[in-house]
Amino acid sequence: MIISSCSKSSNEFCKAVSDFNNNTGNTTSLCFYKSTLEMLNFAGDSSYNKLISGVNKLKVITFTSDKETLNQTRMSALANQIRKESFVDMMQMKKDGFTILIFLQKHNEKPREFIGIGYNEKSYYIIDLVGTIPMSLLPSIISGNFNMPGLNSVLNFKGPDNFKKGQKHKNKDGDDSGNQ
């Protein structure tokens, strides 16, 4: 599996999000191109293929700290910077202790980029998606009812300790594999 790190100077992603990430530190930032997202469909799920069919790139940024706090003012400032780049508010809600904001930018009256931000006092995640997704799937994604095991396994990866010597893993064919 190939995971590539996004260039922070990429002009295809929202500048406000990149600047926020650069000024925060201690973040995890992952970039997935469409071909990588396709490889993460381990189960061959057709609804997953439908979801990613219009995606060009996806950047996921996460931050968690027991020491630092993210105040409402800082996150509101980020939202205002995103709006200055011609994004409009699509949705705002609270779920499981997180405030969730979703923004949309259009080009020629068609969706071009989506940004989702979820945050509480100690952590945040930002999803910056260049391309389109079917609007009919958005509620199930936000509610957590959309099954994306391949992508979830990458996002939950905690580092090389997950693959200790001798640990067995099942590949898509059900065969054992691992570091011996």
N, C-alpha and C. Protein backbone atom coordinates (compact mmCIF):
# COMPACT_ATOMS: atom_id res chain seq x y z
N MET A 1 0.84 -1.16 0.00
CA MET A 1 0.00 0.00 0.00
C MET A 1 0.89 1.23 0.00
N ILE A 2 0.47 2.26 -0.75
CA ILE A 2 1.24 3.49 -0.84
C ILE A 2 0.43 4.61 -0.23
N ILE A 3 1.02 5.31 0.69
CA ILE A 3 0.41 6.50 1.27
C ILE A 3 1.38 7.63 0.98
N SER A 4 0.88 8.70 0.38
CA SER A 4 1.77 9.79 0.06
C SER A 4 1.42 11.00 0.90
N SER A 5 2.41 11.75 1.25
CA SER A 5 2.21 12.97 2.01
C SER A 5 1.95 14.10 1.04
N CYS A 6 0.94 14.90 1.32
CA CYS A 6 0.61 16.00 0.42
C CYS A 6 1.60 17.13 0.55
N SER A 7 1.88 17.76 -0.54
CA SER A 7 2.68 18.96 -0.51
C SER A 7 1.85 20.07 0.11
N LYS A 8 2.38 20.73 1.12
CA LYS A 8 1.63 21.77 1.79
C LYS A 8 1.50 23.02 0.93
N SER A 9 2.30 23.11 -0.12
CA SER A 9 2.22 24.27 -0.99
C SER A 9 1.26 24.04 -2.16
N SER A 10 0.61 22.89 -2.19
CA SER A 10 -0.31 22.57 -3.28
C SER A 10 -1.42 23.61 -3.37
N ASN A 11 -1.61 24.16 -4.56
CA ASN A 11 -2.67 25.16 -4.71
C ASN A 11 -4.02 24.53 -4.99
N GLU A 12 -4.07 23.22 -5.05
CA GLU A 12 -5.35 22.55 -5.26
C GLU A 12 -6.16 22.43 -3.98
N PHE A 13 -5.51 22.49 -2.85
CA PHE A 13 -6.22 22.43 -1.58
C PHE A 13 -6.42 23.83 -1.04
N CYS A 14 -7.35 23.96 -0.15
CA CYS A 14 -7.67 25.23 0.48
C CYS A 14 -6.45 25.79 1.22
N LYS A 15 -6.06 27.03 0.89
CA LYS A 15 -4.90 27.66 1.51
C LYS A 15 -5.10 27.87 3.01
N ALA A 16 -6.31 28.25 3.41
CA ALA A 16 -6.58 28.48 4.84
C ALA A 16 -6.34 27.22 5.66
N VAL A 17 -6.73 26.07 5.13
CA VAL A 17 -6.53 24.80 5.84
C VAL A 17 -5.04 24.49 5.91
N SER A 18 -4.32 24.66 4.81
CA SER A 18 -2.87 24.41 4.81
C SER A 18 -2.15 25.33 5.78
N ASP A 19 -2.51 26.60 5.79
CA ASP A 19 -1.89 27.55 6.72
C ASP A 19 -2.17 27.18 8.17
N PHE A 20 -3.41 26.80 8.46
CA PHE A 20 -3.79 26.40 9.81
C PHE A 20 -2.96 25.19 10.24
N ASN A 21 -2.83 24.22 9.35
CA ASN A 21 -2.04 23.02 9.63
C ASN A 21 -0.57 23.39 9.88
N ASN A 22 -0.02 24.23 9.04
CA ASN A 22 1.39 24.64 9.19
C ASN A 22 1.65 25.36 10.51
N ASN A 23 0.66 26.10 11.00
CA ASN A 23 0.84 26.89 12.22
C ASN A 23 0.46 26.15 13.49
N THR A 24 -0.05 24.93 13.38
CA THR A 24 -0.48 24.19 14.56
C THR A 24 0.61 23.27 15.08
N GLY A 25 1.28 22.55 14.22
CA GLY A 25 2.29 21.59 14.67
C GLY A 25 1.63 20.37 15.28
N ASN A 26 2.40 19.32 15.47
CA ASN A 26 1.90 18.07 16.06
C ASN A 26 0.67 17.51 15.36
N THR A 27 0.59 17.71 14.06
CA THR A 27 -0.55 17.18 13.32
C THR A 27 -0.12 15.97 12.51
N THR A 28 -1.10 15.17 12.13
CA THR A 28 -0.90 14.11 11.16
C THR A 28 -1.64 14.54 9.91
N SER A 29 -0.96 14.54 8.79
CA SER A 29 -1.55 14.97 7.54
C SER A 29 -1.33 13.88 6.49
N LEU A 30 -2.41 13.37 5.94
CA LEU A 30 -2.34 12.32 4.92
C LEU A 30 -3.05 12.80 3.67
N CYS A 31 -2.50 12.42 2.52
CA CYS A 31 -3.11 12.77 1.25
C CYS A 31 -3.38 11.50 0.47
N PHE A 32 -4.56 11.42 -0.09
CA PHE A 32 -4.95 10.26 -0.88
C PHE A 32 -5.39 10.75 -2.25
N TYR A 33 -4.79 10.21 -3.29
CA TYR A 33 -5.23 10.48 -4.64
C TYR A 33 -6.29 9.43 -4.98
N LYS A 34 -7.04 9.66 -6.04
CA LYS A 34 -8.13 8.75 -6.39
C LYS A 34 -7.65 7.31 -6.52
N SER A 35 -6.50 7.10 -7.15
CA SER A 35 -6.00 5.74 -7.32
C SER A 35 -5.72 5.06 -5.98
N THR A 36 -5.24 5.84 -5.01
CA THR A 36 -5.00 5.28 -3.66
C THR A 36 -6.32 4.94 -2.99
N LEU A 37 -7.29 5.83 -3.12
CA LEU A 37 -8.62 5.55 -2.55
C LEU A 37 -9.23 4.29 -3.15
N GLU A 38 -9.02 4.09 -4.44
CA GLU A 38 -9.53 2.88 -5.09
C GLU A 38 -8.86 1.63 -4.51
N MET A 39 -7.56 1.71 -4.24
CA MET A 39 -6.85 0.55 -3.66
C MET A 39 -7.33 0.23 -2.25
N LEU A 40 -7.87 1.22 -1.55
CA LEU A 40 -8.33 1.00 -0.18
C LEU A 40 -9.70 0.34 -0.10
N ASN A 41 -10.31 0.07 -1.23
CA ASN A 41 -11.60 -0.62 -1.25
C ASN A 41 -11.34 -2.13 -1.21
N PHE A 42 -10.85 -2.60 -0.08
CA PHE A 42 -10.48 -4.00 0.08
C PHE A 42 -11.64 -4.96 -0.18
N ALA A 43 -12.84 -4.54 0.17
CA ALA A 43 -14.00 -5.43 0.05
C ALA A 43 -14.67 -5.35 -1.32
N GLY A 44 -14.22 -4.45 -2.19
CA GLY A 44 -14.86 -4.30 -3.49
C GLY A 44 -16.27 -3.77 -3.39
N ASP A 45 -16.53 -2.91 -2.43
CA ASP A 45 -17.85 -2.36 -2.14
C ASP A 45 -18.26 -1.36 -3.22
N SER A 46 -19.36 -1.61 -3.91
CA SER A 46 -19.79 -0.73 -5.00
C SER A 46 -20.24 0.64 -4.49
N SER A 47 -20.80 0.72 -3.29
CA SER A 47 -21.20 2.04 -2.77
C SER A 47 -19.98 2.89 -2.43
N TYR A 48 -18.88 2.26 -2.01
CA TYR A 48 -17.63 2.98 -1.79
C TYR A 48 -17.11 3.51 -3.13
N ASN A 49 -17.14 2.66 -4.18
CA ASN A 49 -16.71 3.10 -5.51
C ASN A 49 -17.54 4.29 -5.99
N LYS A 50 -18.84 4.26 -5.70
CA LYS A 50 -19.71 5.37 -6.08
C LYS A 50 -19.30 6.63 -5.33
N LEU A 51 -18.98 6.48 -4.05
CA LEU A 51 -18.58 7.63 -3.24
C LEU A 51 -17.34 8.31 -3.80
N ILE A 52 -16.34 7.55 -4.17
CA ILE A 52 -15.06 8.14 -4.58
C ILE A 52 -14.96 8.41 -6.08
N SER A 53 -15.99 8.10 -6.84
CA SER A 53 -15.91 8.22 -8.30
C SER A 53 -15.57 9.64 -8.77
N GLY A 54 -15.97 10.66 -8.04
CA GLY A 54 -15.68 12.04 -8.44
C GLY A 54 -14.57 12.70 -7.65
N VAL A 55 -13.88 11.94 -6.81
CA VAL A 55 -12.83 12.50 -5.96
C VAL A 55 -11.51 12.56 -6.73
N ASN A 56 -10.86 13.71 -6.70
CA ASN A 56 -9.53 13.85 -7.30
C ASN A 56 -8.44 13.66 -6.25
N LYS A 57 -8.61 14.31 -5.10
CA LYS A 57 -7.65 14.24 -3.99
C LYS A 57 -8.40 14.39 -2.68
N LEU A 58 -7.85 13.78 -1.65
CA LEU A 58 -8.42 13.88 -0.32
C LEU A 58 -7.28 14.09 0.66
N LYS A 59 -7.36 15.14 1.45
CA LYS A 59 -6.37 15.39 2.50
C LYS A 59 -7.08 15.27 3.85
N VAL A 60 -6.47 14.51 4.75
CA VAL A 60 -7.01 14.35 6.09
C VAL A 60 -5.96 14.83 7.08
N ILE A 61 -6.34 15.75 7.95
CA ILE A 61 -5.44 16.31 8.95
C ILE A 61 -6.06 16.04 10.32
N THR A 62 -5.27 15.50 11.23
CA THR A 62 -5.76 15.27 12.59
C THR A 62 -4.79 15.86 13.60
N PHE A 63 -5.33 16.24 14.75
CA PHE A 63 -4.55 16.81 15.84
C PHE A 63 -5.22 16.40 17.15
N THR A 64 -4.43 15.89 18.07
CA THR A 64 -4.93 15.57 19.40
C THR A 64 -3.85 15.94 20.41
N SER A 65 -4.26 16.54 21.52
CA SER A 65 -3.31 16.91 22.55
C SER A 65 -3.97 16.88 23.91
N ASP A 66 -3.27 16.34 24.89
CA ASP A 66 -3.76 16.40 26.27
C ASP A 66 -3.38 17.72 26.91
N LYS A 67 -2.43 18.44 26.32
CA LYS A 67 -1.89 19.65 26.92
C LYS A 67 -2.49 20.92 26.34
N GLU A 68 -2.62 20.97 25.02
CA GLU A 68 -3.10 22.18 24.37
C GLU A 68 -4.62 22.14 24.24
N THR A 69 -5.20 23.30 24.17
CA THR A 69 -6.63 23.37 23.92
C THR A 69 -6.88 24.19 22.67
N LEU A 70 -7.89 23.83 21.96
CA LEU A 70 -8.31 24.54 20.77
C LEU A 70 -9.54 25.34 21.14
N ASN A 71 -9.41 26.64 21.15
CA ASN A 71 -10.56 27.42 21.58
C ASN A 71 -11.48 27.76 20.40
N GLN A 72 -12.69 28.10 20.74
CA GLN A 72 -13.72 28.42 19.75
C GLN A 72 -13.27 29.57 18.85
N THR A 73 -12.57 30.54 19.41
CA THR A 73 -12.11 31.69 18.63
C THR A 73 -11.19 31.26 17.50
N ARG A 74 -10.27 30.36 17.80
CA ARG A 74 -9.31 29.90 16.79
C ARG A 74 -10.01 29.13 15.67
N MET A 75 -10.96 28.27 16.03
CA MET A 75 -11.67 27.51 15.01
C MET A 75 -12.61 28.41 14.20
N SER A 76 -13.20 29.42 14.84
CA SER A 76 -14.03 30.38 14.11
C SER A 76 -13.20 31.18 13.12
N ALA A 77 -11.97 31.52 13.52
CA ALA A 77 -11.07 32.24 12.61
C ALA A 77 -10.74 31.38 11.39
N LEU A 78 -10.52 30.08 11.60
CA LEU A 78 -10.28 29.18 10.47
C LEU A 78 -11.49 29.16 9.54
N ALA A 79 -12.68 29.03 10.10
CA ALA A 79 -13.90 29.01 9.29
C ALA A 79 -14.03 30.30 8.48
N ASN A 80 -13.72 31.44 9.09
CA ASN A 80 -13.79 32.72 8.36
C ASN A 80 -12.77 32.78 7.23
N GLN A 81 -11.57 32.24 7.46
CA GLN A 81 -10.56 32.21 6.39
C GLN A 81 -11.01 31.31 5.24
N ILE A 82 -11.64 30.20 5.56
CA ILE A 82 -12.16 29.30 4.52
C ILE A 82 -13.23 30.02 3.70
N ARG A 83 -14.11 30.75 4.36
CA ARG A 83 -15.17 31.49 3.65
C ARG A 83 -14.58 32.54 2.72
N LYS A 84 -13.45 33.13 3.09
CA LYS A 84 -12.80 34.14 2.24
C LYS A 84 -12.29 33.55 0.93
N GLU A 85 -12.16 32.23 0.87
CA GLU A 85 -11.73 31.55 -0.36
C GLU A 85 -12.93 31.06 -1.17
N SER A 86 -14.05 31.74 -1.02
CA SER A 86 -15.28 31.46 -1.79
C SER A 86 -15.95 30.15 -1.41
N PHE A 87 -15.74 29.69 -0.19
CA PHE A 87 -16.48 28.53 0.31
C PHE A 87 -17.75 29.03 0.99
N VAL A 88 -18.80 28.25 0.88
CA VAL A 88 -20.05 28.57 1.57
C VAL A 88 -20.34 27.49 2.60
N ASP A 89 -21.05 27.87 3.64
CA ASP A 89 -21.44 26.92 4.68
C ASP A 89 -22.51 25.99 4.13
N MET A 90 -22.28 24.70 4.27
CA MET A 90 -23.27 23.70 3.89
C MET A 90 -24.04 23.20 5.10
N MET A 91 -23.30 23.00 6.20
CA MET A 91 -23.92 22.37 7.36
C MET A 91 -23.10 22.69 8.60
N GLN A 92 -23.78 22.78 9.73
CA GLN A 92 -23.13 22.89 11.03
C GLN A 92 -23.95 22.08 12.00
N MET A 93 -23.25 21.26 12.81
CA MET A 93 -23.97 20.42 13.77
C MET A 93 -23.04 20.02 14.91
N LYS A 94 -23.61 19.46 15.95
CA LYS A 94 -22.83 18.90 17.06
C LYS A 94 -23.13 17.41 17.10
N LYS A 95 -22.04 16.62 17.26
CA LYS A 95 -22.20 15.16 17.33
C LYS A 95 -21.09 14.59 18.20
N ASP A 96 -21.45 13.78 19.18
CA ASP A 96 -20.49 13.10 20.05
C ASP A 96 -19.46 14.06 20.64
N GLY A 97 -19.88 15.25 21.05
CA GLY A 97 -18.98 16.22 21.67
C GLY A 97 -18.16 17.03 20.69
N PHE A 98 -18.35 16.82 19.42
CA PHE A 98 -17.63 17.57 18.39
C PHE A 98 -18.55 18.57 17.72
N THR A 99 -18.02 19.73 17.40
CA THR A 99 -18.69 20.67 16.51
C THR A 99 -18.24 20.30 15.11
N ILE A 100 -19.18 20.16 14.19
CA ILE A 100 -18.86 19.76 12.83
C ILE A 100 -19.33 20.86 11.87
N LEU A 101 -18.41 21.30 11.02
CA LEU A 101 -18.70 22.31 10.01
C LEU A 101 -18.38 21.73 8.64
N ILE A 102 -19.25 21.96 7.67
CA ILE A 102 -19.00 21.49 6.31
C ILE A 102 -19.16 22.68 5.36
N PHE A 103 -18.14 22.84 4.51
CA PHE A 103 -18.10 23.94 3.55
C PHE A 103 -18.03 23.38 2.13
N LEU A 104 -18.52 24.16 1.19
CA LEU A 104 -18.52 23.78 -0.22
C LEU A 104 -18.02 24.96 -1.04
N GLN A 105 -17.18 24.66 -2.02
CA GLN A 105 -16.75 25.66 -2.99
C GLN A 105 -17.18 25.16 -4.37
N LYS A 106 -17.79 26.05 -5.14
CA LYS A 106 -18.24 25.68 -6.48
C LYS A 106 -17.37 26.37 -7.52
N HIS A 107 -17.31 25.74 -8.68
CA HIS A 107 -16.65 26.33 -9.85
C HIS A 107 -17.57 26.10 -11.02
N ASN A 108 -17.97 27.16 -11.72
CA ASN A 108 -18.94 27.06 -12.82
C ASN A 108 -20.21 26.35 -12.37
N GLU A 109 -20.68 26.71 -11.18
CA GLU A 109 -21.92 26.18 -10.61
C GLU A 109 -21.87 24.69 -10.27
N LYS A 110 -20.70 24.08 -10.31
CA LYS A 110 -20.56 22.68 -9.94
C LYS A 110 -19.67 22.59 -8.70
N PRO A 111 -19.95 21.64 -7.80
CA PRO A 111 -19.08 21.47 -6.62
C PRO A 111 -17.64 21.19 -7.06
N ARG A 112 -16.69 21.90 -6.44
CA ARG A 112 -15.28 21.71 -6.75
C ARG A 112 -14.52 21.14 -5.57
N GLU A 113 -14.88 21.59 -4.36
CA GLU A 113 -14.12 21.18 -3.18
C GLU A 113 -15.04 21.22 -1.96
N PHE A 114 -14.86 20.24 -1.08
CA PHE A 114 -15.58 20.16 0.19
C PHE A 114 -14.55 20.21 1.31
N ILE A 115 -14.90 20.88 2.39
CA ILE A 115 -14.07 20.86 3.59
C ILE A 115 -14.97 20.51 4.76
N GLY A 116 -14.57 19.51 5.52
CA GLY A 116 -15.26 19.13 6.74
C GLY A 116 -14.32 19.32 7.92
N ILE A 117 -14.82 19.97 8.96
CA ILE A 117 -14.03 20.20 10.17
C ILE A 117 -14.83 19.66 11.35
N GLY A 118 -14.19 18.85 12.16
CA GLY A 118 -14.78 18.39 13.41
C GLY A 118 -13.82 18.71 14.52
N TYR A 119 -14.30 19.31 15.59
CA TYR A 119 -13.38 19.68 16.67
C TYR A 119 -14.07 19.72 18.03
N ASN A 120 -13.24 19.52 19.05
CA ASN A 120 -13.62 19.78 20.43
C ASN A 120 -12.43 20.49 21.08
N GLU A 121 -12.34 20.54 22.41
CA GLU A 121 -11.27 21.29 23.06
C GLU A 121 -9.89 20.71 22.84
N LYS A 122 -9.78 19.40 22.66
CA LYS A 122 -8.47 18.73 22.64
C LYS A 122 -8.07 18.17 21.28
N SER A 123 -8.97 18.15 20.31
CA SER A 123 -8.61 17.53 19.03
C SER A 123 -9.44 18.11 17.90
N TYR A 124 -8.94 17.90 16.71
CA TYR A 124 -9.72 18.23 15.53
C TYR A 124 -9.33 17.31 14.39
N TYR A 125 -10.20 17.24 13.42
CA TYR A 125 -9.88 16.61 12.16
C TYR A 125 -10.41 17.53 11.07
N ILE A 126 -9.68 17.59 9.98
CA ILE A 126 -10.09 18.38 8.83
C ILE A 126 -9.99 17.46 7.61
N ILE A 127 -11.04 17.44 6.84
CA ILE A 127 -11.06 16.69 5.60
C ILE A 127 -11.23 17.69 4.47
N ASP A 128 -10.26 17.71 3.57
CA ASP A 128 -10.30 18.62 2.43
C ASP A 128 -10.37 17.74 1.18
N LEU A 129 -11.51 17.75 0.51
CA LEU A 129 -11.75 16.88 -0.62
C LEU A 129 -11.88 17.72 -1.89
N VAL A 130 -10.98 17.52 -2.83
CA VAL A 130 -11.05 18.18 -4.13
C VAL A 130 -11.77 17.22 -5.06
N GLY A 131 -12.90 17.66 -5.60
CA GLY A 131 -13.73 16.82 -6.45
C GLY A 131 -15.15 16.84 -5.94
N THR A 132 -15.89 15.81 -6.25
CA THR A 132 -17.30 15.74 -5.83
C THR A 132 -17.60 14.40 -5.17
N ILE A 133 -18.63 14.41 -4.37
CA ILE A 133 -19.18 13.18 -3.81
C ILE A 133 -20.70 13.24 -3.99
N PRO A 134 -21.34 12.10 -4.11
CA PRO A 134 -22.81 12.12 -4.24
C PRO A 134 -23.45 12.70 -2.97
N MET A 135 -24.24 13.72 -3.14
CA MET A 135 -24.89 14.37 -2.00
C MET A 135 -25.79 13.40 -1.24
N SER A 136 -26.32 12.41 -1.92
CA SER A 136 -27.20 11.45 -1.26
C SER A 136 -26.46 10.63 -0.20
N LEU A 137 -25.13 10.53 -0.31
CA LEU A 137 -24.35 9.75 0.66
C LEU A 137 -23.82 10.59 1.82
N LEU A 138 -23.91 11.91 1.71
CA LEU A 138 -23.35 12.78 2.74
C LEU A 138 -23.95 12.53 4.14
N PRO A 139 -25.26 12.39 4.30
CA PRO A 139 -25.80 12.14 5.65
C PRO A 139 -25.24 10.86 6.30
N SER A 140 -25.10 9.79 5.52
CA SER A 140 -24.58 8.55 6.11
C SER A 140 -23.10 8.66 6.44
N ILE A 141 -22.35 9.45 5.70
CA ILE A 141 -20.94 9.67 6.01
C ILE A 141 -20.82 10.44 7.32
N ILE A 142 -21.57 11.52 7.44
CA ILE A 142 -21.51 12.36 8.64
C ILE A 142 -21.97 11.59 9.88
N SER A 143 -22.99 10.77 9.73
CA SER A 143 -23.50 10.03 10.88
C SER A 143 -22.62 8.84 11.26
N GLY A 144 -21.64 8.52 10.41
CA GLY A 144 -20.75 7.40 10.70
C GLY A 144 -21.31 6.06 10.26
N ASN A 145 -22.39 6.07 9.48
CA ASN A 145 -23.01 4.83 9.05
C ASN A 145 -22.52 4.35 7.69
N PHE A 146 -21.55 5.04 7.11
CA PHE A 146 -21.01 4.62 5.82
C PHE A 146 -19.77 3.80 6.07
N ASN A 147 -19.73 2.59 5.54
CA ASN A 147 -18.65 1.64 5.81
C ASN A 147 -17.47 1.88 4.86
N MET A 148 -16.33 2.30 5.42
CA MET A 148 -15.11 2.51 4.64
C MET A 148 -13.94 1.85 5.37
N PRO A 149 -13.94 0.51 5.50
CA PRO A 149 -12.93 -0.14 6.34
C PRO A 149 -11.49 0.09 5.88
N GLY A 150 -11.24 0.12 4.58
CA GLY A 150 -9.87 0.32 4.10
C GLY A 150 -9.34 1.68 4.48
N LEU A 151 -10.13 2.72 4.24
CA LEU A 151 -9.72 4.08 4.60
C LEU A 151 -9.64 4.23 6.11
N ASN A 152 -10.60 3.67 6.82
CA ASN A 152 -10.57 3.75 8.29
C ASN A 152 -9.34 3.09 8.87
N SER A 153 -8.91 1.97 8.30
CA SER A 153 -7.73 1.29 8.84
C SER A 153 -6.48 2.13 8.65
N VAL A 154 -6.38 2.88 7.56
CA VAL A 154 -5.24 3.77 7.36
C VAL A 154 -5.30 4.93 8.33
N LEU A 155 -6.49 5.52 8.52
CA LEU A 155 -6.63 6.68 9.41
C LEU A 155 -6.42 6.31 10.87
N ASN A 156 -6.66 5.06 11.23
CA ASN A 156 -6.47 4.61 12.61
C ASN A 156 -5.09 4.03 12.86
N PHE A 157 -4.22 4.02 11.86
CA PHE A 157 -2.87 3.47 11.99
C PHE A 157 -2.07 4.28 13.00
N LYS A 158 -1.48 3.60 13.96
CA LYS A 158 -0.77 4.28 15.04
C LYS A 158 0.75 4.23 14.88
N GLY A 159 1.24 3.69 13.81
CA GLY A 159 2.69 3.65 13.59
C GLY A 159 3.19 2.23 13.49
N PRO A 160 4.51 2.08 13.40
CA PRO A 160 5.10 0.76 13.17
C PRO A 160 4.84 -0.25 14.29
N ASP A 161 4.47 0.20 15.49
CA ASP A 161 4.17 -0.74 16.57
C ASP A 161 2.96 -1.59 16.25
N ASN A 162 2.10 -1.14 15.31
CA ASN A 162 0.95 -1.95 14.91
C ASN A 162 1.39 -3.22 14.19
N PHE A 163 2.60 -3.24 13.65
CA PHE A 163 3.09 -4.38 12.88
C PHE A 163 4.33 -4.93 13.56
N LYS A 164 4.14 -5.51 14.71
CA LYS A 164 5.25 -6.09 15.45
C LYS A 164 5.67 -7.40 14.81
N LYS A 165 6.92 -7.75 15.00
CA LYS A 165 7.46 -8.96 14.43
C LYS A 165 6.61 -10.17 14.83
N GLY A 166 6.25 -10.95 13.82
CA GLY A 166 5.48 -12.17 14.07
C GLY A 166 3.98 -11.96 14.11
N GLN A 167 3.51 -10.70 14.11
CA GLN A 167 2.09 -10.45 14.16
C GLN A 167 1.48 -10.81 12.81
N LYS A 168 0.37 -11.53 12.83
CA LYS A 168 -0.28 -11.98 11.62
C LYS A 168 -1.39 -11.02 11.22
N HIS A 169 -1.55 -10.83 9.92
CA HIS A 169 -2.61 -10.00 9.37
C HIS A 169 -3.25 -10.77 8.25
N LYS A 170 -4.55 -10.58 8.04
CA LYS A 170 -5.26 -11.23 6.94
C LYS A 170 -5.24 -10.28 5.74
N ASN A 171 -4.88 -10.82 4.58
CA ASN A 171 -4.99 -10.02 3.38
C ASN A 171 -6.38 -10.19 2.79
N LYS A 172 -6.67 -9.57 1.64
CA LYS A 172 -8.01 -9.60 1.08
C LYS A 172 -8.48 -11.00 0.70
N ASP A 173 -7.52 -11.91 0.49
CA ASP A 173 -7.87 -13.30 0.16
C ASP A 173 -8.04 -14.17 1.40
N GLY A 174 -7.84 -13.58 2.58
CA GLY A 174 -7.96 -14.33 3.83
C GLY A 174 -6.70 -15.05 4.24
N ASP A 175 -5.60 -14.88 3.49
CA ASP A 175 -4.35 -15.53 3.80
C ASP A 175 -3.62 -14.75 4.90
N ASP A 176 -2.87 -15.47 5.72
CA ASP A 176 -2.07 -14.80 6.72
C ASP A 176 -0.84 -14.19 6.08
N SER A 177 -0.49 -13.03 6.50
CA SER A 177 0.75 -12.39 6.08
C SER A 177 1.25 -11.56 7.23
N GLY A 178 2.45 -11.13 7.18
CA GLY A 178 2.97 -10.30 8.27
C GLY A 178 4.46 -10.28 8.27
N ASN A 179 5.03 -9.59 9.22
CA ASN A 179 6.47 -9.48 9.33
C ASN A 179 6.97 -10.68 10.13
N GLN A 180 7.80 -11.48 9.54
CA GLN A 180 8.31 -12.67 10.23
C GLN A 180 9.71 -12.46 10.72
